[in-house]
PDB file of N, CA and C in Angstrom:
ATOM      1  N   MET A   1     -19.993 222.580-122.167  1.00  0.00           N
ATOM      2  CA  MET A   1     -20.520 222.619-123.505  1.00  0.00           C
ATOM      3  C   MET A   1     -21.438 221.430-123.763  1.00  0.00           C
ATOM      4  N   ALA A   2     -21.168 220.311-123.137  1.00  0.00           N
ATOM      5  CA  ALA A   2     -21.967 219.112-123.363  1.00  0.00           C
ATOM      6  C   ALA A   2     -23.398 219.291-122.880  1.00  0.00           C
ATOM      7  N   ASN A   3     -23.617 220.160-121.919  1.00  0.00           N
ATOM      8  CA  ASN A   3     -24.961 220.366-121.391  1.00  0.00           C
ATOM      9  C   ASN A   3     -25.743 221.449-122.135  1.00  0.00           C
ATOM     10  N   GLU A   4     -25.116 222.103-123.098  1.00  0.00           N
ATOM     11  CA  GLU A   4     -25.797 223.164-123.827  1.00  0.00           C
ATOM     12  C   GLU A   4     -26.736 222.581-124.878  1.00  0.00           C
ATOM     13  N   PRO A   5     -27.838 223.267-125.149  1.00  0.00           N
ATOM     14  CA  PRO A   5     -28.721 222.805-126.224  1.00  0.00           C
ATOM     15  C   PRO A   5     -27.958 222.768-127.550  1.00  0.00           C
ATOM     16  N   TRP A   6     -28.318 221.837-128.418  1.00  0.00           N
ATOM     17  CA  TRP A   6     -27.619 221.639-129.687  1.00  0.00           C
ATOM     18  C   TRP A   6     -27.546 222.919-130.520  1.00  0.00           C
ATOM     19  N   ASN A   7     -28.622 223.682-130.608  1.00  0.00           N
ATOM     20  CA  ASN A   7     -28.586 224.879-131.450  1.00  0.00           C
ATOM     21  C   ASN A   7     -27.579 225.903-130.936  1.00  0.00           C
ATOM     22  N   GLU A   8     -27.378 225.965-129.634  1.00  0.00           N
ATOM     23  CA  GLU A   8     -26.381 226.893-129.097  1.00  0.00           C
ATOM     24  C   GLU A   8     -24.963 226.411-129.405  1.00  0.00           C
ATOM     25  N   VAL A   9     -24.738 225.118-129.330  1.00  0.00           N
ATOM     26  CA  VAL A   9     -23.437 224.548-129.672  1.00  0.00           C
ATOM     27  C   VAL A   9     -23.139 224.820-131.150  1.00  0.00           C
ATOM     28  N   ALA A  10     -24.112 224.574-132.011  1.00  0.00           N
ATOM     29  CA  ALA A  10     -23.939 224.810-133.446  1.00  0.00           C
ATOM     30  C   ALA A  10     -23.678 226.287-133.720  1.00  0.00           C
ATOM     31  N   TYR A  11     -24.386 227.163-133.034  1.00  0.00           N
ATOM     32  CA  TYR A  11     -24.210 228.601-133.218  1.00  0.00           C
ATOM     33  C   TYR A  11     -22.793 229.020-132.831  1.00  0.00           C
ATOM     34  N   LYS A  12     -22.293 228.545-131.704  1.00  0.00           N
ATOM     35  CA  LYS A  12     -20.936 228.889-131.270  1.00  0.00           C
ATOM     36  C   LYS A  12     -19.900 228.353-132.257  1.00  0.00           C
ATOM     37  N   PHE A  13     -20.120 227.144-132.775  1.00  0.00           N
ATOM     38  CA  PHE A  13     -19.219 226.581-133.777  1.00  0.00           C
ATOM     39  C   PHE A  13     -19.203 227.465-135.017  1.00  0.00           C
ATOM     40  N   PHE A  14     -20.382 227.888-135.463  1.00  0.00           N
ATOM     41  CA  PHE A  14     -20.498 228.757-136.635  1.00  0.00           C
ATOM     42  C   PHE A  14     -19.752 230.069-136.410  1.00  0.00           C
ATOM     43  N   LEU A  15     -19.925 230.681-135.261  1.00  0.00           N
ATOM     44  CA  LEU A  15     -19.227 231.942-134.980  1.00  0.00           C
ATOM     45  C   LEU A  15     -17.722 231.760-135.007  1.00  0.00           C
ATOM     46  N   ASN A  16     -17.227 230.674-134.437  1.00  0.00           N
ATOM     47  CA  ASN A  16     -15.782 230.409-134.461  1.00  0.00           C
ATOM     48  C   ASN A  16     -15.305 230.170-135.882  1.00  0.00           C
ATOM     49  N   ALA A  17     -16.095 229.459-136.680  1.00  0.00           N
ATOM     50  CA  ALA A  17     -15.691 229.119-138.046  1.00  0.00           C
ATOM     51  C   ALA A  17     -15.560 230.354-138.926  1.00  0.00           C
ATOM     52  N   ILE A  18     -16.421 231.344-138.720  1.00  0.00           N
ATOM     53  CA  ILE A  18     -16.407 232.521-139.597  1.00  0.00           C
ATOM     54  C   ILE A  18     -15.665 233.703-139.005  1.00  0.00           C
ATOM     55  N   SER A  19     -15.111 233.558-137.817  1.00  0.00           N
ATOM     56  CA  SER A  19     -14.519 234.705-137.124  1.00  0.00           C
ATOM     57  C   SER A  19     -13.405 235.388-137.908  1.00  0.00           C
ATOM     58  N   GLY A  20     -12.721 234.669-138.799  1.00  0.00           N
ATOM     59  CA  GLY A  20     -11.636 235.278-139.562  1.00  0.00           C
ATOM     60  C   GLY A  20     -12.064 235.874-140.885  1.00  0.00           C
ATOM     61  N   ILE A  21     -13.341 235.796-141.222  1.00  0.00           N
ATOM     62  CA  ILE A  21     -13.836 236.316-142.498  1.00  0.00           C
ATOM     63  C   ILE A  21     -14.242 237.780-142.314  1.00  0.00           C
ATOM     64  N   PRO A  22     -13.626 238.719-143.063  1.00  0.00           N
ATOM     65  CA  PRO A  22     -13.968 240.134-142.917  1.00  0.00           C
ATOM     66  C   PRO A  22     -15.461 240.363-143.123  1.00  0.00           C
ATOM     67  N   GLY A  23     -16.031 241.166-142.253  1.00  0.00           N
ATOM     68  CA  GLY A  23     -17.436 241.525-142.387  1.00  0.00           C
ATOM     69  C   GLY A  23     -18.395 240.448-141.924  1.00  0.00           C
ATOM     70  N   SER A  24     -17.898 239.320-141.436  1.00  0.00           N
ATOM     71  CA  SER A  24     -18.769 238.208-141.094  1.00  0.00           C
ATOM     72  C   SER A  24     -19.405 238.345-139.725  1.00  0.00           C
ATOM     73  N   GLY A  25     -18.991 239.328-138.970  1.00  0.00           N
ATOM     74  CA  GLY A  25     -19.540 239.491-137.640  1.00  0.00           C
ATOM     75  C   GLY A  25     -20.969 240.003-137.656  1.00  0.00           C
ATOM     76  N   GLY A  26     -21.508 240.245-138.803  1.00  0.00           N
ATOM     77  CA  GLY A  26     -22.861 240.774-138.894  1.00  0.00           C
ATOM     78  C   GLY A  26     -22.839 242.287-138.893  1.00  0.00           C
ATOM     79  N   ALA A  27     -23.764 242.860-139.571  1.00  0.00           N
ATOM     80  CA  ALA A  27     -23.832 244.311-139.666  1.00  0.00           C
ATOM     81  C   ALA A  27     -24.399 244.902-138.387  1.00  0.00           C
ATOM     82  N   ALA A  28     -23.754 245.931-137.889  1.00  0.00           N
ATOM     83  CA  ALA A  28     -24.269 246.631-136.720  1.00  0.00           C
ATOM     84  C   ALA A  28     -25.525 247.411-137.093  1.00  0.00           C
ATOM     85  N   HIS A  29     -25.614 247.781-138.352  1.00  0.00           N
ATOM     86  CA  HIS A  29     -26.771 248.510-138.853  1.00  0.00           C
ATOM     87  C   HIS A  29     -26.852 248.331-140.366  1.00  0.00           C
ATOM     88  N   ILE A  30     -28.007 248.549-140.886  1.00  0.00           N
ATOM     89  CA  ILE A  30     -28.228 248.524-142.334  1.00  0.00           C
ATOM     90  C   ILE A  30     -28.687 249.919-142.738  1.00  0.00           C
ATOM     91  N   HIS A  31     -28.069 250.444-143.774  1.00  0.00           N
ATOM     92  CA  HIS A  31     -28.488 251.726-144.343  1.00  0.00           C
ATOM     93  C   HIS A  31     -29.181 251.428-145.667  1.00  0.00           C
ATOM     94  N   ALA A  32     -30.446 251.780-145.789  1.00  0.00           N
ATOM     95  CA  ALA A  32     -31.186 251.591-147.034  1.00  0.00           C
ATOM     96  C   ALA A  32     -31.872 252.903-147.373  1.00  0.00           C
ATOM     97  N   ASP A  33     -31.805 253.276-148.637  1.00  0.00           N
ATOM     98  CA  ASP A  33     -32.298 254.586-149.041  1.00  0.00           C
ATOM     99  C   ASP A  33     -32.710 254.543-150.506  1.00  0.00           C
ATOM    100  N   GLN A  34     -33.575 255.438-150.890  1.00  0.00           N
ATOM    101  CA  GLN A  34     -33.884 255.697-152.288  1.00  0.00           C
ATOM    102  C   GLN A  34     -33.599 257.173-152.509  1.00  0.00           C
ATOM    103  N   GLN A  35     -33.014 257.488-153.645  1.00  0.00           N
ATOM    104  CA  GLN A  35     -32.661 258.879-153.892  1.00  0.00           C
ATOM    105  C   GLN A  35     -33.042 259.264-155.313  1.00  0.00           C
ATOM    106  N   VAL A  36     -33.593 260.460-155.447  1.00  0.00           N
ATOM    107  CA  VAL A  36     -33.953 260.991-156.754  1.00  0.00           C
ATOM    108  C   VAL A  36     -32.718 261.588-157.398  1.00  0.00           C
ATOM    109  N   VAL A  37     -32.496 261.253-158.657  1.00  0.00           N
ATOM    110  CA  VAL A  37     -31.359 261.758-159.421  1.00  0.00           C
ATOM    111  C   VAL A  37     -31.716 263.138-159.966  1.00  0.00           C
ATOM    112  N   THR A  38     -30.724 264.019-160.028  1.00  0.00           N
ATOM    113  CA  THR A  38     -30.919 265.341-160.620  1.00  0.00           C
ATOM    114  C   THR A  38     -29.894 265.546-161.727  1.00  0.00           C
ATOM    115  N   ALA A  39     -30.016 266.647-162.418  1.00  0.00           N
ATOM    116  CA  ALA A  39     -29.080 266.985-163.490  1.00  0.00           C
ATOM    117  C   ALA A  39     -27.805 267.628-162.942  1.00  0.00           C
ATOM    118  N   SER A  40     -27.709 267.754-161.618  1.00  0.00           N
ATOM    119  CA  SER A  40     -26.509 268.239-160.946  1.00  0.00           C
ATOM    120  C   SER A  40     -26.005 267.145-160.016  1.00  0.00           C
ATOM    121  N   ALA A  41     -24.691 267.092-159.808  1.00  0.00           N
ATOM    122  CA  ALA A  41     -24.118 266.085-158.915  1.00  0.00           C
ATOM    123  C   ALA A  41     -24.577 266.333-157.486  1.00  0.00           C
ATOM    124  N   VAL A  42     -25.129 265.301-156.850  1.00  0.00           N
ATOM    125  CA  VAL A  42     -25.543 265.390-155.452  1.00  0.00           C
ATOM    126  C   VAL A  42     -24.996 264.184-154.691  1.00  0.00           C
ATOM    127  N   ALA A  43     -24.627 264.434-153.441  1.00  0.00           N
ATOM    128  CA  ALA A  43     -24.104 263.373-152.588  1.00  0.00           C
ATOM    129  C   ALA A  43     -25.225 262.447-152.154  1.00  0.00           C
ATOM    130  N   LEU A  44     -24.884 261.183-151.958  1.00  0.00           N
ATOM    131  CA  LEU A  44     -25.836 260.258-151.368  1.00  0.00           C
ATOM    132  C   LEU A  44     -26.086 260.673-149.928  1.00  0.00           C
ATOM    133  N   THR A  45     -27.212 260.259-149.384  1.00  0.00           N
ATOM    134  CA  THR A  45     -27.508 260.516-147.985  1.00  0.00           C
ATOM    135  C   THR A  45     -26.372 259.934-147.139  1.00  0.00           C
ATOM    136  N   THR A  46     -25.862 260.719-146.214  1.00  0.00           N
ATOM    137  CA  THR A  46     -24.695 260.320-145.431  1.00  0.00           C
ATOM    138  C   THR A  46     -25.024 259.200-144.447  1.00  0.00           C
ATOM    139  N   ALA A  47     -24.186 258.166-144.476  1.00  0.00           N
ATOM    140  CA  ALA A  47     -24.283 257.058-143.524  1.00  0.00           C
ATOM    141  C   ALA A  47     -22.890 256.488-143.304  1.00  0.00           C
ATOM    142  N   ALA A  48     -22.566 256.173-142.056  1.00  0.00           N
ATOM    143  CA  ALA A  48     -21.308 255.491-141.747  1.00  0.00           C
ATOM    144  C   ALA A  48     -21.482 254.018-142.112  1.00  0.00           C
ATOM    145  N   LEU A  49     -20.465 253.441-142.735  1.00  0.00           N
ATOM    146  CA  LEU A  49     -20.547 252.069-143.224  1.00  0.00           C
ATOM    147  C   LEU A  49     -19.344 251.264-142.781  1.00  0.00           C
ATOM    148  N   THR A  50     -19.524 249.972-142.630  1.00  0.00           N
ATOM    149  CA  THR A  50     -18.438 249.059-142.312  1.00  0.00           C
ATOM    150  C   THR A  50     -18.106 248.193-143.519  1.00  0.00           C
ATOM    151  N   ASN A  51     -19.129 247.754-144.228  1.00  0.00           N
ATOM    152  CA  ASN A  51     -18.957 246.802-145.323  1.00  0.00           C
ATOM    153  C   ASN A  51     -19.212 247.402-146.704  1.00  0.00           C
ATOM    154  N   GLY A  52     -19.340 248.717-146.801  1.00  0.00           N
ATOM    155  CA  GLY A  52     -19.557 249.354-148.091  1.00  0.00           C
ATOM    156  C   GLY A  52     -21.029 249.469-148.448  1.00  0.00           C
ATOM    157  N   LEU A  53     -21.279 249.798-149.725  1.00  0.00           N
ATOM    158  CA  LEU A  53     -22.654 249.976-150.164  1.00  0.00           C
ATOM    159  C   LEU A  53     -22.825 249.532-151.615  1.00  0.00           C
ATOM    160  N   THR A  54     -24.085 249.340-151.977  1.00  0.00           N
ATOM    161  CA  THR A  54     -24.461 249.005-153.342  1.00  0.00           C
ATOM    162  C   THR A  54     -25.473 250.033-153.813  1.00  0.00           C
ATOM    163  N   ILE A  55     -25.281 250.511-155.040  1.00  0.00           N
ATOM    164  CA  ILE A  55     -26.189 251.468-155.665  1.00  0.00           C
ATOM    165  C   ILE A  55     -26.791 250.785-156.880  1.00  0.00           C
ATOM    166  N   LYS A  56     -28.115 250.815-156.988  1.00  0.00           N
ATOM    167  CA  LYS A  56     -28.791 250.212-158.127  1.00  0.00           C
ATOM    168  C   LYS A  56     -29.702 251.246-158.777  1.00  0.00           C
ATOM    169  N   ALA A  57     -29.603 251.366-160.106  1.00  0.00           N
ATOM    170  CA  ALA A  57     -30.476 252.257-160.858  1.00  0.00           C
ATOM    171  C   ALA A  57     -31.822 251.567-161.070  1.00  0.00           C
ATOM    172  N   LYS A  58     -32.895 252.293-160.864  1.00  0.00           N
ATOM    173  CA  LYS A  58     -34.237 251.736-161.056  1.00  0.00           C
ATOM    174  C   LYS A  58     -34.383 251.231-162.488  1.00  0.00           C
ATOM    175  N   SER A  59     -35.013 250.091-162.647  1.00  0.00           N
ATOM    176  CA  SER A  59     -35.110 249.461-163.974  1.00  0.00           C
ATOM    177  C   SER A  59     -35.918 250.275-164.975  1.00  0.00           C
ATOM    178  N   THR A  60     -36.775 251.153-164.507  1.00  0.00           N
ATOM    179  CA  THR A  60     -37.585 251.970-165.415  1.00  0.00           C
ATOM    180  C   THR A  60     -37.043 253.384-165.603  1.00  0.00           C
ATOM    181  N   ASN A  61     -35.806 253.629-165.150  1.00  0.00           N
ATOM    182  CA  ASN A  61     -35.197 254.955-165.340  1.00  0.00           C
ATOM    183  C   ASN A  61     -35.173 255.325-166.820  1.00  0.00           C
ATOM    184  N   ALA A  62     -35.246 256.610-167.083  1.00  0.00           N
ATOM    185  CA  ALA A  62     -35.241 257.107-168.463  1.00  0.00           C
ATOM    186  C   ALA A  62     -33.837 257.150-169.067  1.00  0.00           C
ATOM    187  N   GLY A  63     -32.817 257.248-168.224  1.00  0.00           N
ATOM    188  CA  GLY A  63     -31.449 257.389-168.744  1.00  0.00           C
ATOM    189  C   GLY A  63     -30.429 256.763-167.822  1.00  0.00           C
ATOM    190  N   ARG A  64     -29.180 257.054-168.104  1.00  0.00           N
ATOM    191  CA  ARG A  64     -28.069 256.543-167.289  1.00  0.00           C
ATOM    192  C   ARG A  64     -27.887 257.399-166.039  1.00  0.00           C
ATOM    193  N   VAL A  65     -27.420 256.749-164.989  1.00  0.00           N
ATOM    194  CA  VAL A  65     -27.024 257.436-163.766  1.00  0.00           C
ATOM    195  C   VAL A  65     -25.507 257.291-163.677  1.00  0.00           C
ATOM    196  N   PHE A  66     -24.820 258.380-163.395  1.00  0.00           N
ATOM    197  CA  PHE A  66     -23.362 258.352-163.276  1.00  0.00           C
ATOM    198  C   PHE A  66     -22.991 258.467-161.803  1.00  0.00           C
ATOM    199  N   VAL A  67     -22.074 257.614-161.360  1.00  0.00           N
ATOM    200  CA  VAL A  67     -21.636 257.544-159.975  1.00  0.00           C
ATOM    201  C   VAL A  67     -20.166 257.940-159.925  1.00  0.00           C
ATOM    202  N   GLY A  68     -19.808 258.758-158.941  1.00  0.00           N
ATOM    203  CA  GLY A  68     -18.412 259.166-158.801  1.00  0.00           C
ATOM    204  C   GLY A  68     -18.218 260.027-157.576  1.00  0.00           C
ATOM    205  N   SER A  69     -17.147 260.811-157.603  1.00  0.00           N
ATOM    206  CA  SER A  69     -16.862 261.724-156.497  1.00  0.00           C
ATOM    207  C   SER A  69     -17.568 263.059-156.745  1.00  0.00           C
ATOM    208  N   SER A  70     -17.241 264.070-155.976  1.00  0.00           N
ATOM    209  CA  SER A  70     -17.972 265.341-156.022  1.00  0.00           C
ATOM    210  C   SER A  70     -18.001 266.001-157.393  1.00  0.00           C
ATOM    211  N   GLY A  71     -17.029 265.746-158.240  1.00  0.00           N
ATOM    212  CA  GLY A  71     -17.002 266.368-159.561  1.00  0.00           C
ATOM    213  C   GLY A  71     -17.575 265.489-160.663  1.00  0.00           C
ATOM    214  N   VAL A  72     -18.356 264.471-160.304  1.00  0.00           N
ATOM    215  CA  VAL A  72     -18.888 263.552-161.304  1.00  0.00           C
ATOM    216  C   VAL A  72     -19.731 264.313-162.350  1.00  0.00           C
ATOM    217  N   THR A  73     -19.600 263.887-163.603  1.00  0.00           N
ATOM    218  CA  THR A  73     -20.366 264.500-164.684  1.00  0.00           C
ATOM    219  C   THR A  73     -21.199 263.442-165.392  1.00  0.00           C
ATOM    220  N   ALA A  74     -22.163 263.895-166.141  1.00  0.00           N
ATOM    221  CA  ALA A  74     -23.005 263.002-166.935  1.00  0.00           C
ATOM    222  C   ALA A  74     -22.499 262.920-168.367  1.00  0.00           C
ATOM    223  N   THR A  75     -21.288 263.375-168.608  1.00  0.00           N
ATOM    224  CA  THR A  75     -20.684 263.334-169.940  1.00  0.00           C
ATOM    225  C   THR A  75     -20.339 261.897-170.282  1.00  0.00           C
ATOM    226  N   ASP A  76     -20.787 261.439-171.453  1.00  0.00           N
ATOM    227  CA  ASP A  76     -20.578 260.041-171.833  1.00  0.00           C
ATOM    228  C   ASP A  76     -19.961 259.955-173.228  1.00  0.00           C
ATOM    229  N   ASN A  77     -18.847 260.689-173.423  1.00  0.00           N
ATOM    230  CA  ASN A  77     -18.193 260.692-174.732  1.00  0.00           C
ATOM    231  C   ASN A  77     -16.703 260.363-174.635  1.00  0.00           C
ATOM    232  N   GLY A  78     -16.302 259.794-173.512  1.00  0.00           N
ATOM    233  CA  GLY A  78     -14.895 259.459-173.310  1.00  0.00           C
ATOM    234  C   GLY A  78     -14.129 260.508-172.534  1.00  0.00           C
ATOM    235  N   THR A  79     -14.745 261.653-172.256  1.00  0.00           N
ATOM    236  CA  THR A  79     -14.072 262.695-171.489  1.00  0.00           C
ATOM    237  C   THR A  79     -14.697 262.893-170.116  1.00  0.00           C
ATOM    238  N   GLY A  80     -15.782 262.173-169.806  1.00  0.00           N
ATOM    239  CA  GLY A  80     -16.443 262.302-168.507  1.00  0.00           C
ATOM    240  C   GLY A  80     -15.662 261.581-167.421  1.00  0.00           C
ATOM    241  N   ASN A  81     -16.174 261.649-166.192  1.00  0.00           N
ATOM    242  CA  ASN A  81     -15.461 261.036-165.081  1.00  0.00           C
ATOM    243  C   ASN A  81     -16.378 260.259-164.145  1.00  0.00           C
ATOM    244  N   GLY A  82     -17.502 259.802-164.647  1.00  0.00           N
ATOM    245  CA  GLY A  82     -18.414 259.019-163.827  1.00  0.00           C
ATOM    246  C   GLY A  82     -18.536 257.595-164.325  1.00  0.00           C
ATOM    247  N   PHE A  83     -18.974 256.717-163.451  1.00  0.00           N
ATOM    248  CA  PHE A  83     -19.238 255.322-163.798  1.00  0.00           C
ATOM    249  C   PHE A  83     -20.712 255.226-164.149  1.00  0.00           C
ATOM    250  N   ALA A  84     -21.016 254.845-165.385  1.00  0.00           N
ATOM    251  CA  ALA A  84     -22.401 254.830-165.867  1.00  0.00           C
ATOM    252  C   ALA A  84     -23.137 253.574-165.426  1.00  0.00           C
ATOM    253  N   LEU A  85     -24.351 253.784-164.935  1.00  0.00           N
ATOM    254  CA  LEU A  85     -25.267 252.688-164.635  1.00  0.00           C
ATOM    255  C   LEU A  85     -26.463 252.812-165.565  1.00  0.00           C
ATOM    256  N   LEU A  86     -26.667 251.819-166.400  1.00  0.00           N
ATOM    257  CA  LEU A  86     -27.870 251.768-167.213  1.00  0.00           C
ATOM    258  C   LEU A  86     -29.041 251.394-166.317  1.00  0.00           C
ATOM    259  N   PRO A  87     -30.276 251.645-166.732  1.00  0.00           N
ATOM    260  CA  PRO A  87     -31.414 251.243-165.910  1.00  0.00           C
ATOM    261  C   PRO A  87     -31.313 249.768-165.512  1.00  0.00           C
ATOM    262  N   GLY A  88     -31.477 249.509-164.224  1.00  0.00           N
ATOM    263  CA  GLY A  88     -31.426 248.157-163.687  1.00  0.00           C
ATOM    264  C   GLY A  88     -30.047 247.684-163.284  1.00  0.00           C
ATOM    265  N   GLU A  89     -28.991 248.407-163.626  1.00  0.00           N
ATOM    266  CA  GLU A  89     -27.631 248.002-163.261  1.00  0.00           C
ATOM    267  C   GLU A  89     -27.281 248.481-161.854  1.00  0.00           C
ATOM    268  N   ALA A  90     -26.249 247.851-161.283  1.00  0.00           N
ATOM    269  CA  ALA A  90     -25.816 248.188-159.928  1.00  0.00           C
ATOM    270  C   ALA A  90     -24.297 248.173-159.839  1.00  0.00           C
ATOM    271  N   ILE A  91     -23.794 248.830-158.811  1.00  0.00           N
ATOM    272  CA  ILE A  91     -22.367 248.827-158.506  1.00  0.00           C
ATOM    273  C   ILE A  91     -22.220 248.754-156.991  1.00  0.00           C
ATOM    274  N   SER A  92     -21.229 248.001-156.525  1.00  0.00           N
ATOM    275  CA  SER A  92     -20.909 247.935-155.101  1.00  0.00           C
ATOM    276  C   SER A  92     -19.586 248.651-154.877  1.00  0.00           C
ATOM    277  N   LEU A  93     -19.530 249.427-153.815  1.00  0.00           N
ATOM    278  CA  LEU A  93     -18.331 250.214-153.499  1.00  0.00           C
ATOM    279  C   LEU A  93     -17.881 249.932-152.071  1.00  0.00           C
ATOM    280  N   PRO A  94     -16.596 249.650-151.867  1.00  0.00           N
ATOM    281  CA  PRO A  94     -16.082 249.366-150.525  1.00  0.00           C
ATOM    282  C   PRO A  94     -15.719 250.650-149.783  1.00  0.00           C
ATOM    283  N   VAL A  95     -16.714 251.453-149.454  1.00  0.00           N
ATOM    284  CA  VAL A  95     -16.474 252.744-148.807  1.00  0.00           C
ATOM    285  C   VAL A  95     -16.906 252.695-147.343  1.00  0.00           C
ATOM    286  N   SER A  96     -16.309 253.563-146.533  1.00  0.00           N
ATOM    287  CA  SER A  96     -16.645 253.598-145.113  1.00  0.00           C
ATOM    288  C   SER A  96     -17.704 254.655-144.792  1.00  0.00           C
ATOM    289  N   THR A  97     -18.032 255.483-145.770  1.00  0.00           N
ATOM    290  CA  THR A  97     -19.123 256.448-145.639  1.00  0.00           C
ATOM    291  C   THR A  97     -19.687 256.707-147.028  1.00  0.00           C
ATOM    292  N   SER A  98     -20.963 256.988-147.061  1.00  0.00           N
ATOM    293  CA  SER A  98     -21.598 257.295-148.344  1.00  0.00           C
ATOM    294  C   SER A  98     -21.439 258.769-148.708  1.00  0.00           C
ATOM    295  N   ALA A  99     -20.905 259.575-147.800  1.00  0.00           N
ATOM    296  CA  ALA A  99     -20.816 261.022-147.991  1.00  0.00           C
ATOM    297  C   ALA A  99     -19.994 261.426-149.204  1.00  0.00           C
ATOM    298  N   GLY A 100     -19.011 260.643-149.602  1.00  0.00           N
ATOM    299  CA  GLY A 100     -18.154 261.002-150.726  1.00  0.00           C
ATOM    300  C   GLY A 100     -18.616 260.445-152.058  1.00  0.00           C
ATOM    301  N   VAL A 101     -19.790 259.806-152.078  1.00  0.00           N
ATOM    302  CA  VAL A 101     -20.317 259.216-153.306  1.00  0.00           C
ATOM    303  C   VAL A 101     -21.408 260.126-153.859  1.00  0.00           C
ATOM    304  N   PHE A 102     -21.240 260.518-155.125  1.00  0.00           N
ATOM    305  CA  PHE A 102     -22.180 261.438-155.761  1.00  0.00           C
ATOM    306  C   PHE A 102     -22.816 260.774-156.970  1.00  0.00           C
ATOM    307  N   ILE A 103     -24.027 261.240-157.310  1.00  0.00           N
ATOM    308  CA  ILE A 103     -24.734 260.746-158.490  1.00  0.00           C
ATOM    309  C   ILE A 103     -25.220 261.925-159.317  1.00  0.00           C
ATOM    310  N   ILE A 104     -25.372 261.681-160.603  1.00  0.00           N
ATOM    311  CA  ILE A 104     -25.899 262.676-161.528  1.00  0.00           C
ATOM    312  C   ILE A 104     -26.511 261.919-162.696  1.00  0.00           C
ATOM    313  N   GLY A 105     -27.486 262.511-163.335  1.00  0.00           N
ATOM    314  CA  GLY A 105     -28.087 261.843-164.487  1.00  0.00           C
ATOM    315  C   GLY A 105     -29.354 262.534-164.931  1.00  0.00           C
ATOM    316  N   THR A 106     -30.277 261.731-165.413  1.00  0.00           N
ATOM    317  CA  THR A 106     -31.557 262.243-165.890  1.00  0.00           C
ATOM    318  C   THR A 106     -32.433 262.605-164.697  1.00  0.00           C
ATOM    319  N   ALA A 107     -32.895 263.851-164.674  1.00  0.00           N
ATOM    320  CA  ALA A 107     -33.708 264.329-163.568  1.00  0.00           C
ATOM    321  C   ALA A 107     -34.909 263.416-163.322  1.00  0.00           C
ATOM    322  N   ASN A 108     -35.159 263.150-162.061  1.00  0.00           N
ATOM    323  CA  ASN A 108     -36.284 262.354-161.576  1.00  0.00           C
ATOM    324  C   ASN A 108     -36.113 260.854-161.745  1.00  0.00           C
ATOM    325  N   ASP A 109     -34.968 260.381-162.248  1.00  0.00           N
ATOM    326  CA  ASP A 109     -34.683 258.959-162.178  1.00  0.00           C
ATOM    327  C   ASP A 109     -34.420 258.616-160.712  1.00  0.00           C
ATOM    328  N   ILE A 110     -34.361 257.338-160.389  1.00  0.00           N
ATOM    329  CA  ILE A 110     -34.240 256.884-158.997  1.00  0.00           C
ATOM    330  C   ILE A 110     -33.058 255.916-158.876  1.00  0.00           C
ATOM    331  N   VAL A 111     -32.347 256.002-157.749  1.00  0.00           N
ATOM    332  CA  VAL A 111     -31.379 254.963-157.388  1.00  0.00           C
ATOM    333  C   VAL A 111     -31.767 254.405-156.033  1.00  0.00           C
ATOM    334  N   TYR A 112     -31.455 253.132-155.844  1.00  0.00           N
ATOM    335  CA  TYR A 112     -31.634 252.452-154.569  1.00  0.00           C
ATOM    336  C   TYR A 112     -30.245 252.256-153.978  1.00  0.00           C
ATOM    337  N   VAL A 113     -30.127 252.497-152.683  1.00  0.00           N
ATOM    338  CA  VAL A 113     -28.847 252.388-151.995  1.00  0.00           C
ATOM    339  C   VAL A 113     -29.025 251.491-150.782  1.00  0.00           C
ATOM    340  N   ILE A 114     -28.106 250.538-150.634  1.00  0.00           N
ATOM    341  CA  ILE A 114     -28.120 249.706-149.425  1.00  0.00           C
ATOM    342  C   ILE A 114     -26.674 249.452-149.020  1.00  0.00           C
ATOM    343  N   GLY A 115     -26.441 249.487-147.713  1.00  0.00           N
ATOM    344  CA  GLY A 115     -25.099 249.253-147.205  1.00  0.00           C
ATOM    345  C   GLY A 115     -25.143 248.917-145.735  1.00  0.00           C
ATOM    346  N   SER A 116     -23.997 248.562-145.223  1.00  0.00           N
ATOM    347  CA  SER A 116     -23.911 248.266-143.785  1.00  0.00           C
ATOM    348  C   SER A 116     -22.525 248.622-143.295  1.00  0.00           C
TER     349      SER A 116
END
């Protein structure tokens, strides 16, 4: 180890220091997507994930986007079953696949999705 360049020694120290932190090994892949919202519940583009994903509603969206499972609704009177995102808001979900996450809202609004 004494003969190794300093940056390699520092790198190995860093890897050992973070080895017990979940998700710290670095993402094997990054999933990034943009999806158009419709007035019907649609699944996010399917991607396998290790560290979950974040969904952000475009700041210029006309209305709320609701996030949930396959039966998510855009009902916002206390009887609906979706998590509302106002324009510009985001939510992070600790899921292992994006396949079970659905969105619904104002047609032609946009969400941004990123995960690993």
